[in-house]
Amino acid sequence: DRVRQVEETPIIMLTARGEEADRLVGLTMGADDYITKPFSPRELVLRI
């Protein structure tokens, strides 16, 4: 939220399973993508 008040830096959220409601709040605030833990580091690299 604080970053989005200044600029549109791309943001990826890391979320735990079961945090769907919070994840949707993050997307609503302007996150570009999310990855659910546990995740593969290779997947993170591909998303980036």
All heavy atoms as atom14 arrays in JSON, in Angstrom:
{
  "sequence": "DRVRQVEETPIIMLTARGEEADRLVGLTMGADDYITKPFSPRELVLRI",
  "atom14_mask": [
    [1, 1, 1, 1, 1, 1, 1, 1, 0, 0, 0, 0, 0, 0],
    [1, 1, 1, 1, 1, 1, 1, 1, 1, 1, 1, 0, 0, 0],
    [1, 1, 1, 1, 1, 1, 1, 0, 0, 0, 0, 0, 0, 0],
    [1, 1, 1, 1, 1, 1, 1, 1, 1, 1, 1, 0, 0, 0],
    [1, 1, 1, 1, 1, 1, 1, 1, 1, 0, 0, 0, 0, 0],
    [1, 1, 1, 1, 1, 1, 1, 0, 0, 0, 0, 0, 0, 0],
    [1, 1, 1, 1, 1, 1, 1, 1, 1, 0, 0, 0, 0, 0],
    [1, 1, 1, 1, 1, 1, 1, 1, 1, 0, 0, 0, 0, 0],
    [1, 1, 1, 1, 1, 1, 1, 0, 0, 0, 0, 0, 0, 0],
    [1, 1, 1, 1, 1, 1, 1, 0, 0, 0, 0, 0, 0, 0],
    [1, 1, 1, 1, 1, 1, 1, 1, 0, 0, 0, 0, 0, 0],
    [1, 1, 1, 1, 1, 1, 1, 1, 0, 0, 0, 0, 0, 0],
    [1, 1, 1, 1, 1, 1, 1, 1, 0, 0, 0, 0, 0, 0],
    [1, 1, 1, 1, 1, 1, 1, 1, 0, 0, 0, 0, 0, 0],
    [1, 1, 1, 1, 1, 1, 1, 0, 0, 0, 0, 0, 0, 0],
    [1, 1, 1, 1, 1, 0, 0, 0, 0, 0, 0, 0, 0, 0],
    [1, 1, 1, 1, 1, 1, 1, 1, 1, 1, 1, 0, 0, 0],
    [1, 1, 1, 1, 0, 0, 0, 0, 0, 0, 0, 0, 0, 0],
    [1, 1, 1, 1, 1, 1, 1, 1, 1, 0, 0, 0, 0, 0],
    [1, 1, 1, 1, 1, 1, 1, 1, 1, 0, 0, 0, 0, 0],
    [1, 1, 1, 1, 1, 0, 0, 0, 0, 0, 0, 0, 0, 0],
    [1, 1, 1, 1, 1, 1, 1, 1, 0, 0, 0, 0, 0, 0],
    [1, 1, 1, 1, 1, 1, 1, 1, 1, 1, 1, 0, 0, 0],
    [1, 1, 1, 1, 1, 1, 1, 1, 0, 0, 0, 0, 0, 0],
    [1, 1, 1, 1, 1, 1, 1, 0, 0, 0, 0, 0, 0, 0],
    [1, 1, 1, 1, 0, 0, 0, 0, 0, 0, 0, 0, 0, 0],
    [1, 1, 1, 1, 1, 1, 1, 1, 0, 0, 0, 0, 0, 0],
    [1, 1, 1, 1, 1, 1, 1, 0, 0, 0, 0, 0, 0, 0],
    [1, 1, 1, 1, 1, 1, 1, 1, 0, 0, 0, 0, 0, 0],
    [1, 1, 1, 1, 0, 0, 0, 0, 0, 0, 0, 0, 0, 0],
    [1, 1, 1, 1, 1, 0, 0, 0, 0, 0, 0, 0, 0, 0],
    [1, 1, 1, 1, 1, 1, 1, 1, 0, 0, 0, 0, 0, 0],
    [1, 1, 1, 1, 1, 1, 1, 1, 0, 0, 0, 0, 0, 0],
    [1, 1, 1, 1, 1, 1, 1, 1, 1, 1, 1, 1, 0, 0],
    [1, 1, 1, 1, 1, 1, 1, 1, 0, 0, 0, 0, 0, 0],
    [1, 1, 1, 1, 1, 1, 1, 0, 0, 0, 0, 0, 0, 0],
    [1, 1, 1, 1, 1, 1, 1, 1, 1, 0, 0, 0, 0, 0],
    [1, 1, 1, 1, 1, 1, 1, 0, 0, 0, 0, 0, 0, 0],
    [1, 1, 1, 1, 1, 1, 1, 1, 1, 1, 1, 0, 0, 0],
    [1, 1, 1, 1, 1, 1, 0, 0, 0, 0, 0, 0, 0, 0],
    [1, 1, 1, 1, 1, 1, 1, 0, 0, 0, 0, 0, 0, 0],
    [1, 1, 1, 1, 1, 1, 1, 1, 1, 1, 1, 0, 0, 0],
    [1, 1, 1, 1, 1, 1, 1, 1, 1, 0, 0, 0, 0, 0],
    [1, 1, 1, 1, 1, 1, 1, 1, 0, 0, 0, 0, 0, 0],
    [1, 1, 1, 1, 1, 1, 1, 0, 0, 0, 0, 0, 0, 0],
    [1, 1, 1, 1, 1, 1, 1, 1, 0, 0, 0, 0, 0, 0],
    [1, 1, 1, 1, 1, 1, 1, 1, 1, 1, 1, 0, 0, 0],
    [1, 1, 1, 1, 1, 1, 1, 1, 0, 0, 0, 0, 0, 0]
  ],
  "atom14_positions": [
    [[0.82, -1.2, 0.0], [0.0, 0.0, 0.0], [0.86, 1.26, 0.0], [0.62, 2.2, -0.76], [-0.92, -0.01, 1.22], [-1.85, 1.2, 1.25], [-2.3, 1.64, 0.18], [-2.13, 1.71, 2.35], [0.0, 0.0, 0.0], [0.0, 0.0, 0.0], [0.0, 0.0, 0.0], [0.0, 0.0, 0.0], [0.0, 0.0, 0.0], [0.0, 0.0, 0.0]],
    [[1.9, 1.29, 0.82], [2.76, 2.48, 0.9], [3.56, 2.69, -0.38], [3.73, 3.82, -0.84], [3.69, 2.37, 2.11], [2.94, 2.36, 3.43], [3.87, 2.57, 4.6], [3.17, 2.39, 5.87], [3.71, 2.66, 7.05], [4.97, 3.1, 7.12], [3.03, 2.48, 8.16], [0.0, 0.0, 0.0], [0.0, 0.0, 0.0], [0.0, 0.0, 0.0]],
    [[4.04, 1.59, -0.97], [4.77, 1.7, -2.24], [3.84, 2.21, -3.33], [4.2, 3.09, -4.12], [5.39, 0.35, -2.63], [5.93, 0.39, -4.05], [6.49, -0.04, -1.65], [0.0, 0.0, 0.0], [0.0, 0.0, 0.0], [0.0, 0.0, 0.0], [0.0, 0.0, 0.0], [0.0, 0.0, 0.0], [0.0, 0.0, 0.0], [0.0, 0.0, 0.0]],
    [[2.62, 1.67, -3.38], [1.67, 2.04, -4.42], [1.25, 3.51, -4.33], [0.79, 4.09, -5.31], [0.43, 1.15, -4.35], [0.64, -0.23, -4.95], [0.73, -0.14, -6.48], [1.11, -1.43, -7.05], [2.34, -1.77, -7.36], [3.34, -0.92, -7.13], [2.61, -2.94, -7.9], [0.0, 0.0, 0.0], [0.0, 0.0, 0.0], [0.0, 0.0, 0.0]],
    [[1.39, 4.12, -3.18], [1.08, 5.54, -3.05], [2.11, 6.41, -3.76], [1.86, 7.59, -4.02], [1.0, 5.93, -1.57], [-0.17, 5.31, -0.83], [-0.17, 5.65, 0.65], [0.41, 6.66, 1.06], [-0.81, 4.82, 1.46], [0.0, 0.0, 0.0], [0.0, 0.0, 0.0], [0.0, 0.0, 0.0], [0.0, 0.0, 0.0], [0.0, 0.0, 0.0]],
    [[3.27, 5.81, -4.07], [4.37, 6.58, -4.68], [4.62, 6.15, -6.12], [4.76, 6.99, -7.01], [5.66, 6.42, -3.85], [6.81, 7.18, -4.49], [5.42, 6.87, -2.42], [0.0, 0.0, 0.0], [0.0, 0.0, 0.0], [0.0, 0.0, 0.0], [0.0, 0.0, 0.0], [0.0, 0.0, 0.0], [0.0, 0.0, 0.0], [0.0, 0.0, 0.0]],
    [[4.69, 4.83, -6.38], [5.01, 4.36, -7.73], [4.48, 2.95, -7.94], [3.98, 2.31, -7.01], [6.52, 4.42, -7.98], [7.34, 3.55, -7.05], [8.83, 3.72, -7.28], [9.27, 4.85, -7.55], [9.55, 2.71, -7.18], [0.0, 0.0, 0.0], [0.0, 0.0, 0.0], [0.0, 0.0, 0.0], [0.0, 0.0, 0.0], [0.0, 0.0, 0.0]],
    [[4.63, 2.46, -9.18], [4.04, 1.18, -9.58], [5.09, 0.08, -9.69], [5.07, -0.73, -10.61], [3.3, 1.34, -10.91], [2.19, 2.37, -10.9], [1.06, 1.99, -9.95], [0.89, 0.79, -9.69], [0.36, 2.89, -9.47], [0.0, 0.0, 0.0], [0.0, 0.0, 0.0], [0.0, 0.0, 0.0], [0.0, 0.0, 0.0], [0.0, 0.0, 0.0]],
    [[6.03, 0.04, -8.75], [7.02, -1.03, -8.75], [6.34, -2.39, -8.74], [5.45, -2.63, -7.91], [7.92, -0.93, -7.49], [8.49, 0.37, -7.41], [9.02, -1.99, -7.53], [0.0, 0.0, 0.0], [0.0, 0.0, 0.0], [0.0, 0.0, 0.0], [0.0, 0.0, 0.0], [0.0, 0.0, 0.0], [0.0, 0.0, 0.0], [0.0, 0.0, 0.0]],
    [[6.69, -3.31, -9.65], [6.08, -4.64, -9.63], [6.27, -5.34, -8.29], [7.35, -5.27, -7.69], [6.8, -5.38, -10.75], [7.25, -4.3, -11.69], [7.6, -3.14, -10.8], [0.0, 0.0, 0.0], [0.0, 0.0, 0.0], [0.0, 0.0, 0.0], [0.0, 0.0, 0.0], [0.0, 0.0, 0.0], [0.0, 0.0, 0.0], [0.0, 0.0, 0.0]],
    [[5.21, -6.0, -7.82], [5.24, -6.66, -6.51], [4.69, -8.08, -6.64], [3.64, -8.3, -7.24], [4.39, -5.88, -5.49], [5.04, -4.51, -5.2], [4.22, -6.67, -4.19], [4.18, -3.6, -4.34], [0.0, 0.0, 0.0], [0.0, 0.0, 0.0], [0.0, 0.0, 0.0], [0.0, 0.0, 0.0], [0.0, 0.0, 0.0], [0.0, 0.0, 0.0]],
    [[5.43, -9.04, -6.09], [4.97, -10.41, -5.96], [4.77, -10.7, -4.48], [5.66, -10.45, -3.67], [5.97, -11.42, -6.56], [6.1, -11.2, -8.08], [5.53, -12.86, -6.28], [7.14, -12.1, -8.74], [0.0, 0.0, 0.0], [0.0, 0.0, 0.0], [0.0, 0.0, 0.0], [0.0, 0.0, 0.0], [0.0, 0.0, 0.0], [0.0, 0.0, 0.0]],
    [[3.62, -11.23, -4.11], [3.32, -11.58, -2.73], [3.61, -13.06, -2.48], [3.29, -13.91, -3.32], [1.85, -11.32, -2.41], [1.49, -9.85, -2.26], [2.07, -9.19, -0.71], [1.14, -7.64, -0.69], [0.0, 0.0, 0.0], [0.0, 0.0, 0.0], [0.0, 0.0, 0.0], [0.0, 0.0, 0.0], [0.0, 0.0, 0.0], [0.0, 0.0, 0.0]],
    [[4.19, -13.36, -1.33], [4.36, -14.73, -0.86], [3.29, -14.98, 0.19], [3.2, -14.25, 1.18], [5.75, -14.93, -0.25], [6.95, -14.57, -1.13], [8.25, -14.8, -0.35], [6.95, -15.38, -2.41], [0.0, 0.0, 0.0], [0.0, 0.0, 0.0], [0.0, 0.0, 0.0], [0.0, 0.0, 0.0], [0.0, 0.0, 0.0], [0.0, 0.0, 0.0]],
    [[2.46, -15.99, -0.02], [1.36, -16.25, 0.9], [1.36, -17.71, 1.33], [1.79, -18.59, 0.58], [-0.01, -15.94, 0.26], [-0.32, -16.94, -0.72], [-0.01, -14.58, -0.41], [0.0, 0.0, 0.0], [0.0, 0.0, 0.0], [0.0, 0.0, 0.0], [0.0, 0.0, 0.0], [0.0, 0.0, 0.0], [0.0, 0.0, 0.0], [0.0, 0.0, 0.0]],
    [[0.86, -17.95, 2.56], [0.71, -19.32, 3.05], [-0.64, -19.86, 2.64], [-1.59, -19.1, 2.41], [0.85, -19.34, 4.58], [0.0, 0.0, 0.0], [0.0, 0.0, 0.0], [0.0, 0.0, 0.0], [0.0, 0.0, 0.0], [0.0, 0.0, 0.0], [0.0, 0.0, 0.0], [0.0, 0.0, 0.0], [0.0, 0.0, 0.0], [0.0, 0.0, 0.0]],
    [[-0.75, -21.15, 2.53], [-2.03, -21.76, 2.2], [-3.04, -21.41, 3.29], [-2.71, -21.35, 4.46], [-1.9, -23.28, 2.09], [-1.04, -23.71, 0.92], [-1.12, -25.21, 0.69], [-0.2, -25.64, -0.36], [-0.47, -25.54, -1.66], [-1.6, -25.01, -2.06], [0.41, -25.96, -2.55], [0.0, 0.0, 0.0], [0.0, 0.0, 0.0], [0.0, 0.0, 0.0]],
    [[-4.29, -21.16, 2.89], [-5.32, -20.8, 3.85], [-5.45, -19.31, 4.06], [-6.29, -18.87, 4.83], [0.0, 0.0, 0.0], [0.0, 0.0, 0.0], [0.0, 0.0, 0.0], [0.0, 0.0, 0.0], [0.0, 0.0, 0.0], [0.0, 0.0, 0.0], [0.0, 0.0, 0.0], [0.0, 0.0, 0.0], [0.0, 0.0, 0.0], [0.0, 0.0, 0.0]],
    [[-4.61, -18.5, 3.37], [-4.66, -17.05, 3.52], [-5.32, -16.4, 2.3], [-4.96, -15.32, 1.88], [-3.25, -16.47, 3.71], [-2.59, -16.91, 5.0], [-1.16, -16.4, 5.13], [-0.58, -16.01, 4.09], [-0.64, -16.39, 6.24], [0.0, 0.0, 0.0], [0.0, 0.0, 0.0], [0.0, 0.0, 0.0], [0.0, 0.0, 0.0], [0.0, 0.0, 0.0]],
    [[-6.3, -17.09, 1.71], [-6.9, -16.61, 0.47], [-7.48, -15.21, 0.62], [-7.28, -14.35, -0.25], [-8.0, -17.56, 0.0], [-8.66, -17.1, -1.3], [-9.74, -18.05, -1.78], [-10.0, -19.05, -1.08], [-10.31, -17.8, -2.84], [0.0, 0.0, 0.0], [0.0, 0.0, 0.0], [0.0, 0.0, 0.0], [0.0, 0.0, 0.0], [0.0, 0.0, 0.0]],
    [[-8.2, -14.96, 1.72], [-8.82, -13.63, 1.9], [-7.75, -12.55, 1.93], [-7.88, -11.51, 1.28], [-9.65, -13.61, 3.18], [0.0, 0.0, 0.0], [0.0, 0.0, 0.0], [0.0, 0.0, 0.0], [0.0, 0.0, 0.0], [0.0, 0.0, 0.0], [0.0, 0.0, 0.0], [0.0, 0.0, 0.0], [0.0, 0.0, 0.0], [0.0, 0.0, 0.0]],
    [[-6.66, -12.78, 2.7], [-5.58, -11.8, 2.76], [-4.9, -11.64, 1.41], [-4.49, -10.55, 1.03], [-4.55, -12.21, 3.81], [-5.09, -12.07, 5.23], [-5.99, -11.22, 5.42], [-4.63, -12.79, 6.11], [0.0, 0.0, 0.0], [0.0, 0.0, 0.0], [0.0, 0.0, 0.0], [0.0, 0.0, 0.0], [0.0, 0.0, 0.0], [0.0, 0.0, 0.0]],
    [[-4.76, -12.76, 0.68], [-4.14, -12.7, -0.64], [-4.94, -11.8, -1.57], [-4.38, -10.98, -2.32], [-4.04, -14.1, -1.22], [-3.33, -14.16, -2.57], [-3.21, -15.59, -3.04], [-4.49, -16.15, -3.42], [-4.89, -17.38, -3.1], [-4.13, -18.16, -2.36], [-6.06, -17.83, -3.5], [0.0, 0.0, 0.0], [0.0, 0.0, 0.0], [0.0, 0.0, 0.0]],
    [[-6.26, -11.93, -1.52], [-7.12, -11.09, -2.37], [-7.01, -9.63, -1.98], [-7.06, -8.75, -2.84], [-8.57, -11.57, -2.28], [-8.84, -12.97, -2.86], [-10.31, -13.32, -2.71], [-8.42, -13.03, -4.32], [0.0, 0.0, 0.0], [0.0, 0.0, 0.0], [0.0, 0.0, 0.0], [0.0, 0.0, 0.0], [0.0, 0.0, 0.0], [0.0, 0.0, 0.0]],
    [[-6.86, -9.36, -0.68], [-6.64, -7.98, -0.25], [-5.35, -7.46, -0.85], [-5.28, -6.32, -1.33], [-6.61, -7.88, 1.29], [-6.17, -6.48, 1.72], [-7.97, -8.19, 1.88], [0.0, 0.0, 0.0], [0.0, 0.0, 0.0], [0.0, 0.0, 0.0], [0.0, 0.0, 0.0], [0.0, 0.0, 0.0], [0.0, 0.0, 0.0], [0.0, 0.0, 0.0]],
    [[-4.29, -8.29, -0.84], [-3.02, -7.88, -1.42], [-3.15, -7.56, -2.9], [-2.61, -6.56, -3.38], [0.0, 0.0, 0.0], [0.0, 0.0, 0.0], [0.0, 0.0, 0.0], [0.0, 0.0, 0.0], [0.0, 0.0, 0.0], [0.0, 0.0, 0.0], [0.0, 0.0, 0.0], [0.0, 0.0, 0.0], [0.0, 0.0, 0.0], [0.0, 0.0, 0.0]],
    [[-3.86, -8.4, -3.63], [-4.08, -8.14, -5.06], [-4.87, -6.86, -5.26], [-4.61, -6.07, -6.16], [-4.8, -9.32, -5.7], [-3.99, -10.62, -5.83], [-4.89, -11.76, -6.28], [-2.83, -10.44, -6.79], [0.0, 0.0, 0.0], [0.0, 0.0, 0.0], [0.0, 0.0, 0.0], [0.0, 0.0, 0.0], [0.0, 0.0, 0.0], [0.0, 0.0, 0.0]],
    [[-5.86, -6.65, -4.4], [-6.67, -5.43, -4.5], [-5.83, -4.2, -4.25], [-6.05, -3.14, -4.86], [-7.84, -5.49, -3.5], [-8.64, -6.64, -3.78], [-8.71, -4.24, -3.6], [0.0, 0.0, 0.0], [0.0, 0.0, 0.0], [0.0, 0.0, 0.0], [0.0, 0.0, 0.0], [0.0, 0.0, 0.0], [0.0, 0.0, 0.0], [0.0, 0.0, 0.0]],
    [[-4.84, -4.3, -3.36], [-3.97, -3.17, -3.06], [-2.98, -2.9, -4.19], [-2.32, -1.87, -4.2], [-3.2, -3.4, -1.76], [-4.09, -3.51, -0.53], [-5.16, -2.06, -0.31], [-3.95, -0.79, -0.1], [0.0, 0.0, 0.0], [0.0, 0.0, 0.0], [0.0, 0.0, 0.0], [0.0, 0.0, 0.0], [0.0, 0.0, 0.0], [0.0, 0.0, 0.0]],
    [[-2.85, -3.86, -5.13], [-1.99, -3.59, -6.29], [-0.86, -4.56, -6.52], [-0.02, -4.31, -7.38], [0.0, 0.0, 0.0], [0.0, 0.0, 0.0], [0.0, 0.0, 0.0], [0.0, 0.0, 0.0], [0.0, 0.0, 0.0], [0.0, 0.0, 0.0], [0.0, 0.0, 0.0], [0.0, 0.0, 0.0], [0.0, 0.0, 0.0], [0.0, 0.0, 0.0]],
    [[-0.8, -5.67, -5.78], [0.24, -6.67, -6.07], [0.01, -7.24, -7.47], [-1.13, -7.43, -7.9], [0.2, -7.78, -5.03], [0.0, 0.0, 0.0], [0.0, 0.0, 0.0], [0.0, 0.0, 0.0], [0.0, 0.0, 0.0], [0.0, 0.0, 0.0], [0.0, 0.0, 0.0], [0.0, 0.0, 0.0], [0.0, 0.0, 0.0], [0.0, 0.0, 0.0]],
    [[1.1, -7.51, -8.18], [1.01, -8.0, -9.55], [0.84, -9.51, -9.62], [0.28, -10.04, -10.58], [2.27, -7.61, -10.34], [2.39, -6.11, -10.49], [1.83, -5.58, -11.46], [3.03, -5.47, -9.65], [0.0, 0.0, 0.0], [0.0, 0.0, 0.0], [0.0, 0.0, 0.0], [0.0, 0.0, 0.0], [0.0, 0.0, 0.0], [0.0, 0.0, 0.0]],
    [[1.33, -10.22, -8.61], [1.33, -11.67, -8.67], [1.45, -12.19, -7.25], [1.76, -11.44, -6.31], [2.52, -12.15, -9.52], [2.35, -13.56, -10.07], [1.38, -14.23, -9.66], [3.18, -13.98, -10.88], [0.0, 0.0, 0.0], [0.0, 0.0, 0.0], [0.0, 0.0, 0.0], [0.0, 0.0, 0.0], [0.0, 0.0, 0.0], [0.0, 0.0, 0.0]],
    [[1.23, -13.49, -7.07], [1.44, -14.11, -5.77], [1.9, -15.54, -5.97], [1.65, -16.18, -7.0], [0.16, -14.07, -4.92], [-0.94, -14.98, -5.41], [-0.99, -16.32, -5.05], [-1.93, -14.5, -6.27], [-1.99, -17.16, -5.51], [-2.93, -15.33, -6.74], [-2.95, -16.66, -6.35], [-3.94, -17.48, -6.82], [0.0, 0.0, 0.0], [0.0, 0.0, 0.0]],
    [[2.61, -16.05, -4.98], [3.05, -17.44, -4.96], [2.69, -18.01, -3.6], [2.93, -17.38, -2.57], [4.57, -17.56, -5.2], [4.94, -17.06, -6.6], [5.02, -19.01, -5.03], [6.41, -17.16, -6.9], [0.0, 0.0, 0.0], [0.0, 0.0, 0.0], [0.0, 0.0, 0.0], [0.0, 0.0, 0.0], [0.0, 0.0, 0.0], [0.0, 0.0, 0.0]],
    [[2.12, -19.21, -3.6], [1.69, -19.84, -2.36], [2.81, -20.71, -1.8], [3.39, -21.53, -2.51], [0.44, -20.7, -2.6], [-0.6, -19.87, -3.12], [-0.05, -21.32, -1.3], [0.0, 0.0, 0.0], [0.0, 0.0, 0.0], [0.0, 0.0, 0.0], [0.0, 0.0, 0.0], [0.0, 0.0, 0.0], [0.0, 0.0, 0.0], [0.0, 0.0, 0.0]],
    [[3.12, -20.53, -0.52], [4.11, -21.37, 0.15], [3.52, -22.75, 0.44], [2.33, -22.84, 0.75], [4.54, -20.73, 1.47], [5.22, -19.37, 1.34], [5.56, -18.86, 2.73], [6.22, -17.49, 2.69], [6.53, -17.0, 4.05], [0.0, 0.0, 0.0], [0.0, 0.0, 0.0], [0.0, 0.0, 0.0], [0.0, 0.0, 0.0], [0.0, 0.0, 0.0]],
    [[4.35, -23.78, 0.43], [5.76, -23.79, 0.0], [5.85, -23.69, -1.52], [4.98, -24.18, -2.23], [6.26, -25.15, 0.5], [5.04, -26.01, 0.5], [3.89, -25.11, 0.86], [0.0, 0.0, 0.0], [0.0, 0.0, 0.0], [0.0, 0.0, 0.0], [0.0, 0.0, 0.0], [0.0, 0.0, 0.0], [0.0, 0.0, 0.0], [0.0, 0.0, 0.0]],
    [[6.9, -23.06, -2.01], [7.03, -22.88, -3.46], [8.43, -23.27, -3.9], [9.37, -23.33, -3.11], [6.75, -21.42, -3.84], [7.7, -20.43, -3.21], [8.89, -20.08, -3.83], [7.39, -19.85, -1.99], [9.77, -19.18, -3.24], [8.26, -18.94, -1.4], [9.45, -18.61, -2.03], [0.0, 0.0, 0.0], [0.0, 0.0, 0.0], [0.0, 0.0, 0.0]],
    [[8.55, -23.52, -5.18], [9.85, -23.82, -5.77], [10.57, -22.51, -6.1], [9.98, -21.62, -6.73], [9.67, -24.65, -7.05], [10.84, -24.61, -7.84], [0.0, 0.0, 0.0], [0.0, 0.0, 0.0], [0.0, 0.0, 0.0], [0.0, 0.0, 0.0], [0.0, 0.0, 0.0], [0.0, 0.0, 0.0], [0.0, 0.0, 0.0], [0.0, 0.0, 0.0]],
    [[11.83, -22.37, -5.7], [12.58, -21.16, -6.09], [12.63, -20.98, -7.6], [12.66, -19.85, -8.1], [13.98, -21.42, -5.52], [13.76, -22.38, -4.4], [12.62, -23.25, -4.85], [0.0, 0.0, 0.0], [0.0, 0.0, 0.0], [0.0, 0.0, 0.0], [0.0, 0.0, 0.0], [0.0, 0.0, 0.0], [0.0, 0.0, 0.0], [0.0, 0.0, 0.0]],
    [[12.64, -22.1, -8.34], [12.65, -22.0, -9.81], [11.36, -21.35, -10.3], [11.36, -20.63, -11.3], [12.84, -23.38, -10.42], [14.21, -23.99, -10.18], [14.37, -25.3, -10.92], [15.68, -25.9, -10.71], [15.98, -26.7, -9.71], [15.03, -27.0, -8.82], [17.18, -27.2, -9.57], [0.0, 0.0, 0.0], [0.0, 0.0, 0.0], [0.0, 0.0, 0.0]],
    [[10.23, -21.66, -9.63], [8.97, -21.03, -10.01], [9.03, -19.53, -9.76], [8.57, -18.74, -10.59], [7.8, -21.63, -9.24], [6.46, -20.99, -9.59], [5.31, -21.5, -8.74], [5.53, -22.35, -7.86], [4.18, -21.01, -8.97], [0.0, 0.0, 0.0], [0.0, 0.0, 0.0], [0.0, 0.0, 0.0], [0.0, 0.0, 0.0], [0.0, 0.0, 0.0]],
    [[9.62, -19.13, -8.64], [9.76, -17.7, -8.35], [10.58, -17.02, -9.43], [10.22, -15.93, -9.9], [10.42, -17.5, -6.99], [10.7, -16.04, -6.59], [9.41, -15.23, -6.51], [11.45, -15.98, -5.26], [0.0, 0.0, 0.0], [0.0, 0.0, 0.0], [0.0, 0.0, 0.0], [0.0, 0.0, 0.0], [0.0, 0.0, 0.0], [0.0, 0.0, 0.0]],
    [[11.67, -17.66, -9.85], [12.5, -17.09, -10.92], [11.69, -16.92, -12.2], [11.77, -15.88, -12.87], [13.75, -17.98, -11.17], [14.46, -17.55, -12.45], [14.7, -17.9, -9.99], [0.0, 0.0, 0.0], [0.0, 0.0, 0.0], [0.0, 0.0, 0.0], [0.0, 0.0, 0.0], [0.0, 0.0, 0.0], [0.0, 0.0, 0.0], [0.0, 0.0, 0.0]],
    [[10.88, -17.91, -12.54], [10.06, -17.82, -13.75], [9.05, -16.69, -13.63], [8.81, -15.95, -14.61], [9.33, -19.15, -13.99], [10.18, -20.31, -14.5], [9.34, -21.58, -14.56], [10.76, -20.0, -15.87], [0.0, 0.0, 0.0], [0.0, 0.0, 0.0], [0.0, 0.0, 0.0], [0.0, 0.0, 0.0], [0.0, 0.0, 0.0], [0.0, 0.0, 0.0]],
    [[8.44, -16.53, -12.46], [7.47, -15.44, -12.28], [8.15, -14.08, -12.44], [7.62, -13.17, -13.06], [6.82, -15.53, -10.9], [6.04, -16.82, -10.64], [4.72, -16.82, -11.4], [3.97, -18.04, -11.1], [3.06, -18.16, -10.15], [2.78, -17.12, -9.37], [2.43, -19.3, -9.95], [0.0, 0.0, 0.0], [0.0, 0.0, 0.0], [0.0, 0.0, 0.0]],
    [[9.35, -13.96, -11.86], [10.09, -12.69, -11.98], [10.45, -12.42, -13.44], [10.26, -11.31, -13.94], [11.36, -12.74, -11.11], [10.98, -12.78, -9.63], [12.25, -11.53, -11.4], [12.16, -13.04, -8.71], [0.0, 0.0, 0.0], [0.0, 0.0, 0.0], [0.0, 0.0, 0.0], [0.0, 0.0, 0.0], [0.0, 0.0, 0.0], [0.0, 0.0, 0.0]]
  ]
}
